[in-house]
PDB file of N, CA and C in Angstrom:
ATOM      1  N   MET A   1      96.413  60.757  90.163  1.00  0.00           N
ATOM      2  CA  MET A   1      96.115  61.304  88.849  1.00  0.00           C
ATOM      3  C   MET A   1      95.458  62.675  88.950  1.00  0.00           C
ATOM      4  N   LYS A   2      94.655  62.887  89.972  1.00  0.00           N
ATOM      5  CA  LYS A   2      93.975  64.171  90.090  1.00  0.00           C
ATOM      6  C   LYS A   2      94.924  65.285  90.523  1.00  0.00           C
ATOM      7  N   THR A   3      96.035  64.947  91.123  1.00  0.00           N
ATOM      8  CA  THR A   3      96.943  65.985  91.604  1.00  0.00           C
ATOM      9  C   THR A   3      97.649  66.709  90.465  1.00  0.00           C
ATOM     10  N   ALA A   4      97.943  66.028  89.380  1.00  0.00           N
ATOM     11  CA  ALA A   4      98.631  66.672  88.258  1.00  0.00           C
ATOM     12  C   ALA A   4      97.796  67.797  87.656  1.00  0.00           C
ATOM     13  N   PRO A   5      96.514  67.598  87.341  1.00  0.00           N
ATOM     14  CA  PRO A   5      95.725  68.712  86.813  1.00  0.00           C
ATOM     15  C   PRO A   5      95.560  69.843  87.826  1.00  0.00           C
ATOM     16  N   LEU A   6      95.456  69.489  89.094  1.00  0.00           N
ATOM     17  CA  LEU A   6      95.333  70.526  90.117  1.00  0.00           C
ATOM     18  C   LEU A   6      96.606  71.356  90.223  1.00  0.00           C
ATOM     19  N   LEU A   7      97.749  70.697  90.117  1.00  0.00           N
ATOM     20  CA  LEU A   7      99.013  71.429  90.150  1.00  0.00           C
ATOM     21  C   LEU A   7      99.153  72.342  88.940  1.00  0.00           C
ATOM     22  N   CYS A   8      98.741  71.862  87.776  1.00  0.00           N
ATOM     23  CA  CYS A   8      98.771  72.699  86.564  1.00  0.00           C
ATOM     24  C   CYS A   8      97.859  73.912  86.727  1.00  0.00           C
ATOM     25  N   LEU A   9      96.677  73.686  87.249  1.00  0.00           N
ATOM     26  CA  LEU A   9      95.729  74.779  87.460  1.00  0.00           C
ATOM     27  C   LEU A   9      96.285  75.791  88.454  1.00  0.00           C
ATOM     28  N   LEU A  10      96.872  75.305  89.522  1.00  0.00           N
ATOM     29  CA  LEU A  10      97.465  76.179  90.522  1.00  0.00           C
ATOM     30  C   LEU A  10      98.604  77.004  89.919  1.00  0.00           C
ATOM     31  N   ALA A  11      99.446  76.366  89.124  1.00  0.00           N
ATOM     32  CA  ALA A  11     100.552  77.071  88.477  1.00  0.00           C
ATOM     33  C   ALA A  11     100.038  78.129  87.510  1.00  0.00           C
ATOM     34  N   CYS A  12      98.997  77.799  86.757  1.00  0.00           N
ATOM     35  CA  CYS A  12      98.428  78.751  85.799  1.00  0.00           C
ATOM     36  C   CYS A  12      97.800  79.953  86.499  1.00  0.00           C
ATOM     37  N   MET A  13      97.334  79.759  87.702  1.00  0.00           N
ATOM     38  CA  MET A  13      96.696  80.856  88.425  1.00  0.00           C
ATOM     39  C   MET A  13      97.701  81.725  89.173  1.00  0.00           C
ATOM     40  N   THR A  14      98.806  81.157  89.639  1.00  0.00           N
ATOM     41  CA  THR A  14      99.759  81.926  90.431  1.00  0.00           C
ATOM     42  C   THR A  14     100.800  82.647  89.591  1.00  0.00           C
ATOM     43  N   VAL A  15     101.193  82.111  88.472  1.00  0.00           N
ATOM     44  CA  VAL A  15     102.220  82.742  87.645  1.00  0.00           C
ATOM     45  C   VAL A  15     101.771  84.112  87.138  1.00  0.00           C
ATOM     46  N   PRO A  16     100.577  84.271  86.585  1.00  0.00           N
ATOM     47  CA  PRO A  16     100.174  85.614  86.159  1.00  0.00           C
ATOM     48  C   PRO A  16     100.106  86.609  87.313  1.00  0.00           C
ATOM     49  N   ALA A  17      99.733  86.158  88.482  1.00  0.00           N
ATOM     50  CA  ALA A  17      99.676  87.056  89.638  1.00  0.00           C
ATOM     51  C   ALA A  17     101.069  87.549  90.006  1.00  0.00           C
ATOM     52  N   ALA A  18     102.059  86.689  89.893  1.00  0.00           N
ATOM     53  CA  ALA A  18     103.430  87.089  90.200  1.00  0.00           C
ATOM     54  C   ALA A  18     103.929  88.121  89.202  1.00  0.00           C
ATOM     55  N   PHE A  19     103.611  87.929  87.928  1.00  0.00           N
ATOM     56  CA  PHE A  19     104.043  88.891  86.919  1.00  0.00           C
ATOM     57  C   PHE A  19     103.238  90.181  86.986  1.00  0.00           C
ATOM     58  N   ALA A  20     102.023  90.133  87.425  1.00  0.00           N
ATOM     59  CA  ALA A  20     101.185  91.330  87.516  1.00  0.00           C
ATOM     60  C   ALA A  20     101.670  92.255  88.619  1.00  0.00           C
ATOM     61  N   SER A  21     102.250  91.718  89.670  1.00  0.00           N
ATOM     62  CA  SER A  21     102.706  92.572  90.762  1.00  0.00           C
ATOM     63  C   SER A  21     103.936  93.386  90.365  1.00  0.00           C
ATOM     64  N   THR A  22     104.742  92.896  89.445  1.00  0.00           N
ATOM     65  CA  THR A  22     105.946  93.604  89.038  1.00  0.00           C
ATOM     66  C   THR A  22     105.643  94.947  88.382  1.00  0.00           C
ATOM     67  N   PRO A  23     104.745  95.047  87.398  1.00  0.00           N
ATOM     68  CA  PRO A  23     104.440  96.356  86.833  1.00  0.00           C
ATOM     69  C   PRO A  23     103.822  97.306  87.855  1.00  0.00           C
ATOM     70  N   LEU A  24     103.035  96.781  88.770  1.00  0.00           N
ATOM     71  CA  LEU A  24     102.444  97.644  89.785  1.00  0.00           C
ATOM     72  C   LEU A  24     103.508  98.217  90.704  1.00  0.00           C
ATOM     73  N   LYS A  25     104.519  97.428  91.028  1.00  0.00           N
ATOM     74  CA  LYS A  25     105.609  97.934  91.852  1.00  0.00           C
ATOM     75  C   LYS A  25     106.392  98.997  91.093  1.00  0.00           C
ATOM     76  N   GLY A  26     106.549  98.812  89.787  1.00  0.00           N
ATOM     77  CA  GLY A  26     107.223  99.810  88.970  1.00  0.00           C
ATOM     78  C   GLY A  26     106.463 101.121  88.953  1.00  0.00           C
ATOM     79  N   LEU A  27     105.149 101.039  88.858  1.00  0.00           N
ATOM     80  CA  LEU A  27     104.323 102.247  88.893  1.00  0.00           C
ATOM     81  C   LEU A  27     104.395 102.913  90.257  1.00  0.00           C
ATOM     82  N   GLN A  28     104.390 102.115  91.315  1.00  0.00           N
ATOM     83  CA  GLN A  28     104.481 102.657  92.665  1.00  0.00           C
ATOM     84  C   GLN A  28     105.823 103.361  92.855  1.00  0.00           C
ATOM     85  N   PHE A  29     106.909 102.759  92.376  1.00  0.00           N
ATOM     86  CA  PHE A  29     108.229 103.370  92.480  1.00  0.00           C
ATOM     87  C   PHE A  29     108.262 104.700  91.740  1.00  0.00           C
ATOM     88  N   GLU A  30     107.696 104.731  90.538  1.00  0.00           N
ATOM     89  CA  GLU A  30     107.689 105.964  89.742  1.00  0.00           C
ATOM     90  C   GLU A  30     106.892 107.058  90.445  1.00  0.00           C
ATOM     91  N   ALA A  31     105.761 106.697  91.025  1.00  0.00           N
ATOM     92  CA  ALA A  31     104.943 107.679  91.747  1.00  0.00           C
ATOM     93  C   ALA A  31     105.695 108.208  92.966  1.00  0.00           C
ATOM     94  N   GLN A  32     106.397 107.333  93.673  1.00  0.00           N
ATOM     95  CA  GLN A  32     107.171 107.767  94.834  1.00  0.00           C
ATOM     96  C   GLN A  32     108.318 108.672  94.410  1.00  0.00           C
ATOM     97  N   LYS A  33     108.964 108.322  93.311  1.00  0.00           N
ATOM     98  CA  LYS A  33     110.073 109.135  92.811  1.00  0.00           C
ATOM     99  C   LYS A  33     109.589 110.538  92.459  1.00  0.00           C
ATOM    100  N   GLN A  34     108.452 110.619  91.793  1.00  0.00           N
ATOM    101  CA  GLN A  34     107.900 111.922  91.428  1.00  0.00           C
ATOM    102  C   GLN A  34     107.511 112.719  92.661  1.00  0.00           C
ATOM    103  N   GLN A  35     106.956 112.056  93.672  1.00  0.00           N
ATOM    104  CA  GLN A  35     106.572 112.741  94.908  1.00  0.00           C
ATOM    105  C   GLN A  35     107.798 113.300  95.618  1.00  0.00           C
ATOM    106  N   VAL A  36     108.855 112.499  95.720  1.00  0.00           N
ATOM    107  CA  VAL A  36     110.081 112.953  96.374  1.00  0.00           C
ATOM    108  C   VAL A  36     110.678 114.127  95.601  1.00  0.00           C
ATOM    109  N   MET A  37     110.737 114.031  94.270  1.00  0.00           N
ATOM    110  CA  MET A  37     111.292 115.128  93.467  1.00  0.00           C
ATOM    111  C   MET A  37     110.473 116.406  93.636  1.00  0.00           C
ATOM    112  N   LYS A  38     109.164 116.279  93.661  1.00  0.00           N
ATOM    113  CA  LYS A  38     108.292 117.445  93.828  1.00  0.00           C
ATOM    114  C   LYS A  38     108.564 118.129  95.167  1.00  0.00           C
ATOM    115  N   ASP A  39     108.719 117.338  96.213  1.00  0.00           N
ATOM    116  CA  ASP A  39     108.947 117.905  97.536  1.00  0.00           C
ATOM    117  C   ASP A  39     110.366 118.441  97.701  1.00  0.00           C
ATOM    118  N   VAL A  40     111.344 117.822  97.044  1.00  0.00           N
ATOM    119  CA  VAL A  40     112.709 118.355  97.086  1.00  0.00           C
ATOM    120  C   VAL A  40     112.746 119.701  96.370  1.00  0.00           C
ATOM    121  N   LYS A  41     111.982 119.834  95.295  1.00  0.00           N
ATOM    122  CA  LYS A  41     111.936 121.104  94.565  1.00  0.00           C
ATOM    123  C   LYS A  41     111.349 122.225  95.413  1.00  0.00           C
ATOM    124  N   LYS A  42     110.534 121.881  96.405  1.00  0.00           N
ATOM    125  CA  LYS A  42     109.990 122.902  97.304  1.00  0.00           C
ATOM    126  C   LYS A  42     111.086 123.506  98.175  1.00  0.00           C
ATOM    127  N   THR A  43     112.092 122.697  98.528  1.00  0.00           N
ATOM    128  CA  THR A  43     113.173 123.195  99.374  1.00  0.00           C
ATOM    129  C   THR A  43     114.379 123.657  98.561  1.00  0.00           C
ATOM    130  N   CYS A  44     114.615 123.061  97.415  1.00  0.00           N
ATOM    131  CA  CYS A  44     115.728 123.429  96.534  1.00  0.00           C
ATOM    132  C   CYS A  44     115.136 123.849  95.192  1.00  0.00           C
ATOM    133  N   THR A  45     115.089 125.122  94.936  1.00  0.00           N
ATOM    134  CA  THR A  45     114.494 125.592  93.691  1.00  0.00           C
ATOM    135  C   THR A  45     115.509 125.470  92.559  1.00  0.00           C
ATOM    136  N   PRO A  46     115.241 124.595  91.579  1.00  0.00           N
ATOM    137  CA  PRO A  46     116.180 124.446  90.459  1.00  0.00           C
ATOM    138  C   PRO A  46     116.032 125.601  89.466  1.00  0.00           C
ATOM    139  N   SER A  47     117.076 125.815  88.672  1.00  0.00           N
ATOM    140  CA  SER A  47     116.973 126.837  87.633  1.00  0.00           C
ATOM    141  C   SER A  47     115.974 126.379  86.572  1.00  0.00           C
ATOM    142  N   LYS A  48     115.403 127.330  85.880  1.00  0.00           N
ATOM    143  CA  LYS A  48     114.337 127.043  84.913  1.00  0.00           C
ATOM    144  C   LYS A  48     114.804 126.151  83.764  1.00  0.00           C
ATOM    145  N   ASN A  49     116.072 126.286  83.348  1.00  0.00           N
ATOM    146  CA  ASN A  49     116.550 125.526  82.191  1.00  0.00           C
ATOM    147  C   ASN A  49     117.084 124.138  82.558  1.00  0.00           C
ATOM    148  N   LEU A  50     116.966 123.749  83.828  1.00  0.00           N
ATOM    149  CA  LEU A  50     117.442 122.442  84.279  1.00  0.00           C
ATOM    150  C   LEU A  50     116.294 121.438  84.216  1.00  0.00           C
ATOM    151  N   SER A  51     116.506 120.336  83.496  1.00  0.00           N
ATOM    152  CA  SER A  51     115.458 119.311  83.386  1.00  0.00           C
ATOM    153  C   SER A  51     115.323 118.561  84.710  1.00  0.00           C
ATOM    154  N   ASP A  52     114.206 117.865  84.868  1.00  0.00           N
ATOM    155  CA  ASP A  52     113.985 117.073  86.081  1.00  0.00           C
ATOM    156  C   ASP A  52     115.060 116.008  86.246  1.00  0.00           C
ATOM    157  N   THR A  53     115.459 115.399  85.142  1.00  0.00           N
ATOM    158  CA  THR A  53     116.491 114.360  85.196  1.00  0.00           C
ATOM    159  C   THR A  53     117.821 114.944  85.652  1.00  0.00           C
ATOM    160  N   ASP A  54     118.201 116.089  85.088  1.00  0.00           N
ATOM    161  CA  ASP A  54     119.458 116.728  85.483  1.00  0.00           C
ATOM    162  C   ASP A  54     119.419 117.176  86.943  1.00  0.00           C
ATOM    163  N   PHE A  55     118.270 117.708  87.357  1.00  0.00           N
ATOM    164  CA  PHE A  55     118.117 118.126  88.751  1.00  0.00           C
ATOM    165  C   PHE A  55     118.248 116.917  89.685  1.00  0.00           C
ATOM    166  N   GLY A  56     117.592 115.831  89.332  1.00  0.00           N
ATOM    167  CA  GLY A  56     117.691 114.612  90.134  1.00  0.00           C
ATOM    168  C   GLY A  56     119.115 114.088  90.203  1.00  0.00           C
ATOM    169  N   ASN A  57     119.828 114.150  89.080  1.00  0.00           N
ATOM    170  CA  ASN A  57     121.221 113.695  89.057  1.00  0.00           C
ATOM    171  C   ASN A  57     122.099 114.572  89.942  1.00  0.00           C
ATOM    172  N   LYS A  58     121.834 115.882  89.950  1.00  0.00           N
ATOM    173  CA  LYS A  58     122.608 116.786  90.812  1.00  0.00           C
ATOM    174  C   LYS A  58     122.337 116.489  92.286  1.00  0.00           C
ATOM    175  N   ILE A  59     121.083 116.230  92.609  1.00  0.00           N
ATOM    176  CA  ILE A  59     120.733 115.898  93.995  1.00  0.00           C
ATOM    177  C   ILE A  59     121.436 114.603  94.406  1.00  0.00           C
ATOM    178  N   LEU A  60     121.401 113.598  93.533  1.00  0.00           N
ATOM    179  CA  LEU A  60     121.952 112.284  93.866  1.00  0.00           C
ATOM    180  C   LEU A  60     123.469 112.193  93.703  1.00  0.00           C
ATOM    181  N   ALA A  61     124.119 113.268  93.268  1.00  0.00           N
ATOM    182  CA  ALA A  61     125.575 113.259  93.134  1.00  0.00           C
ATOM    183  C   ALA A  61     126.248 113.234  94.507  1.00  0.00           C
ATOM    184  N   ASN A  62     125.549 113.699  95.519  1.00  0.00           N
ATOM    185  CA  ASN A  62     126.053 113.731  96.886  1.00  0.00           C
ATOM    186  C   ASN A  62     125.651 112.431  97.591  1.00  0.00           C
ATOM    187  N   GLU A  63     126.612 111.756  98.203  1.00  0.00           N
ATOM    188  CA  GLU A  63     126.332 110.471  98.862  1.00  0.00           C
ATOM    189  C   GLU A  63     125.343 110.625 100.018  1.00  0.00           C
ATOM    190  N   GLU A  64     125.460 111.711 100.771  1.00  0.00           N
ATOM    191  CA  GLU A  64     124.519 111.925 101.879  1.00  0.00           C
ATOM    192  C   GLU A  64     123.109 112.129 101.348  1.00  0.00           C
ATOM    193  N   ASN A  65     122.995 112.843 100.232  1.00  0.00           N
ATOM    194  CA  ASN A  65     121.671 113.053  99.640  1.00  0.00           C
ATOM    195  C   ASN A  65     121.053 111.733  99.192  1.00  0.00           C
ATOM    196  N   LYS A  66     121.890 110.835  98.660  1.00  0.00           N
ATOM    197  CA  LYS A  66     121.377 109.519  98.259  1.00  0.00           C
ATOM    198  C   LYS A  66     120.742 108.816  99.452  1.00  0.00           C
ATOM    199  N   MET A  67     121.419 108.895 100.599  1.00  0.00           N
ATOM    200  CA  MET A  67     120.903 108.252 101.801  1.00  0.00           C
ATOM    201  C   MET A  67     119.590 108.913 102.247  1.00  0.00           C
ATOM    202  N   HIS A  68     119.527 110.245 102.178  1.00  0.00           N
ATOM    203  CA  HIS A  68     118.316 110.951 102.600  1.00  0.00           C
ATOM    204  C   HIS A  68     117.153 110.673 101.650  1.00  0.00           C
ATOM    205  N   VAL A  69     117.429 110.585 100.357  1.00  0.00           N
ATOM    206  CA  VAL A  69     116.375 110.254  99.384  1.00  0.00           C
ATOM    207  C   VAL A  69     115.875 108.838  99.638  1.00  0.00           C
ATOM    208  N   ARG A  70     116.788 107.934  99.930  1.00  0.00           N
ATOM    209  CA  ARG A  70     116.400 106.550 100.248  1.00  0.00           C
ATOM    210  C   ARG A  70     115.535 106.517 101.508  1.00  0.00           C
ATOM    211  N   ASP A  71     115.952 107.269 102.530  1.00  0.00           N
ATOM    212  CA  ASP A  71     115.171 107.329 103.770  1.00  0.00           C
ATOM    213  C   ASP A  71     113.784 107.911 103.519  1.00  0.00           C
ATOM    214  N   ALA A  72     113.719 108.941 102.674  1.00  0.00           N
ATOM    215  CA  ALA A  72     112.424 109.552 102.349  1.00  0.00           C
ATOM    216  C   ALA A  72     111.531 108.561 101.619  1.00  0.00           C
ATOM    217  N   THR A  73     112.111 107.804 100.712  1.00  0.00           N
ATOM    218  CA  THR A  73     111.329 106.819  99.961  1.00  0.00           C
ATOM    219  C   THR A  73     110.791 105.726 100.883  1.00  0.00           C
ATOM    220  N   ILE A  74     111.623 105.264 101.798  1.00  0.00           N
ATOM    221  CA  ILE A  74     111.176 104.238 102.750  1.00  0.00           C
ATOM    222  C   ILE A  74     110.066 104.790 103.636  1.00  0.00           C
ATOM    223  N   ALA A  75     110.233 106.025 104.110  1.00  0.00           N
ATOM    224  CA  ALA A  75     109.198 106.637 104.950  1.00  0.00           C
ATOM    225  C   ALA A  75     107.903 106.809 104.172  1.00  0.00           C
ATOM    226  N   LEU A  76     108.009 107.138 102.890  1.00  0.00           N
ATOM    227  CA  LEU A  76     106.819 107.281 102.049  1.00  0.00           C
ATOM    228  C   LEU A  76     106.121 105.934 101.886  1.00  0.00           C
ATOM    229  N   GLU A  77     106.886 104.870 101.694  1.00  0.00           N
ATOM    230  CA  GLU A  77     106.307 103.525 101.586  1.00  0.00           C
ATOM    231  C   GLU A  77     105.584 103.126 102.864  1.00  0.00           C
ATOM    232  N   ARG A  78     106.140 103.549 103.994  1.00  0.00           N
ATOM    233  CA  ARG A  78     105.560 103.178 105.294  1.00  0.00           C
ATOM    234  C   ARG A  78     104.517 104.186 105.777  1.00  0.00           C
ATOM    235  N   ASN A  79     104.271 105.203 104.958  1.00  0.00           N
ATOM    236  CA  ASN A  79     103.289 106.241 105.281  1.00  0.00           C
ATOM    237  C   ASN A  79     103.657 106.958 106.584  1.00  0.00           C
ATOM    238  N   ASN A  80     104.941 107.235 106.764  1.00  0.00           N
ATOM    239  CA  ASN A  80     105.447 107.914 107.948  1.00  0.00           C
ATOM    240  C   ASN A  80     105.821 109.342 107.547  1.00  0.00           C
ATOM    241  N   GLN A  81     104.887 110.265 107.697  1.00  0.00           N
ATOM    242  CA  GLN A  81     105.078 111.637 107.232  1.00  0.00           C
ATOM    243  C   GLN A  81     106.200 112.362 107.976  1.00  0.00           C
ATOM    244  N   LYS A  82     106.328 112.130 109.279  1.00  0.00           N
ATOM    245  CA  LYS A  82     107.364 112.822 110.050  1.00  0.00           C
ATOM    246  C   LYS A  82     108.753 112.455 109.534  1.00  0.00           C
ATOM    247  N   ASN A  83     109.028 111.162 109.406  1.00  0.00           N
ATOM    248  CA  ASN A  83     110.339 110.732 108.904  1.00  0.00           C
ATOM    249  C   ASN A  83     110.552 111.169 107.459  1.00  0.00           C
ATOM    250  N   TYR A  84     109.473 111.186 106.676  1.00  0.00           N
ATOM    251  CA  TYR A  84     109.572 111.615 105.279  1.00  0.00           C
ATOM    252  C   TYR A  84     110.053 113.064 105.214  1.00  0.00           C
ATOM    253  N   TRP A  85     109.383 113.947 105.947  1.00  0.00           N
ATOM    254  CA  TRP A  85     109.749 115.362 105.884  1.00  0.00           C
ATOM    255  C   TRP A  85     111.094 115.630 106.555  1.00  0.00           C
ATOM    256  N   ASP A  86     111.453 114.845 107.566  1.00  0.00           N
ATOM    257  CA  ASP A  86     112.787 114.967 108.159  1.00  0.00           C
ATOM    258  C   ASP A  86     113.858 114.641 107.120  1.00  0.00           C
ATOM    259  N   ALA A  87     113.653 113.572 106.362  1.00  0.00           N
ATOM    260  CA  ALA A  87     114.623 113.172 105.333  1.00  0.00           C
ATOM    261  C   ALA A  87     114.686 114.207 104.212  1.00  0.00           C
ATOM    262  N   ILE A  88     113.529 114.707 103.780  1.00  0.00           N
ATOM    263  CA  ILE A  88     113.507 115.734 102.725  1.00  0.00           C
ATOM    264  C   ILE A  88     114.238 116.987 103.199  1.00  0.00           C
ATOM    265  N   GLY A  89     114.027 117.359 104.463  1.00  0.00           N
ATOM    266  CA  GLY A  89     114.664 118.551 105.019  1.00  0.00           C
ATOM    267  C   GLY A  89     116.171 118.437 105.145  1.00  0.00           C
ATOM    268  N   GLN A  90     116.698 117.231 105.207  1.00  0.00           N
ATOM    269  CA  GLN A  90     118.138 117.031 105.341  1.00  0.00           C
ATOM    270  C   GLN A  90     118.865 116.993 104.000  1.00  0.00           C
ATOM    271  N   ILE A  91     118.133 116.985 102.903  1.00  0.00           N
ATOM    272  CA  ILE A  91     118.766 116.965 101.580  1.00  0.00           C
ATOM    273  C   ILE A  91     119.424 118.313 101.329  1.00  0.00           C
ATOM    274  N   GLN A  92     120.693 118.267 100.948  1.00  0.00           N
ATOM    275  CA  GLN A  92     121.446 119.488 100.681  1.00  0.00           C
ATOM    276  C   GLN A  92     121.233 119.911  99.235  1.00  0.00           C
ATOM    277  N   CYS A  93     120.885 121.171  99.052  1.00  0.00           N
ATOM    278  CA  CYS A  93     120.649 121.694  97.704  1.00  0.00           C
ATOM    279  C   CYS A  93     121.977 121.822  96.958  1.00  0.00           C
ATOM    280  N   PRO A  94     122.026 121.343  95.719  1.00  0.00           N
ATOM    281  CA  PRO A  94     123.257 121.476  94.934  1.00  0.00           C
ATOM    282  C   PRO A  94     123.404 122.896  94.399  1.00  0.00           C
ATOM    283  N   ASP A  95     124.618 123.236  94.005  1.00  0.00           N
ATOM    284  CA  ASP A  95     124.843 124.533  93.360  1.00  0.00           C
ATOM    285  C   ASP A  95     124.193 124.514  91.993  1.00  0.00           C
ATOM    286  N   MET A  96     123.448 125.537  91.699  1.00  0.00           N
ATOM    287  CA  MET A  96     122.745 125.584  90.412  1.00  0.00           C
ATOM    288  C   MET A  96     123.502 126.462  89.465  1.00  0.00           C
TER     289      MET A  96
END
């Protein structure tokens, strides 16, 4: 009889924690995306009238660039600065 209330209590405590991690991961992804875009802009200067979204779409239109952006994001997650900057440096600037 005591196990049922304990299981309910355990479920009530773990479910909110699982849902709380999802928004934090979304925020982390957004911060990483902004960091990668900021650093790509250092190597590829976009035209003034190009929005960040359009610039990002132009960068990601190239399949190799998609792979390099993915590699940069993984390196950023792992706090590996050398691999991060290597991946950023390999991104090919689109025609503006």
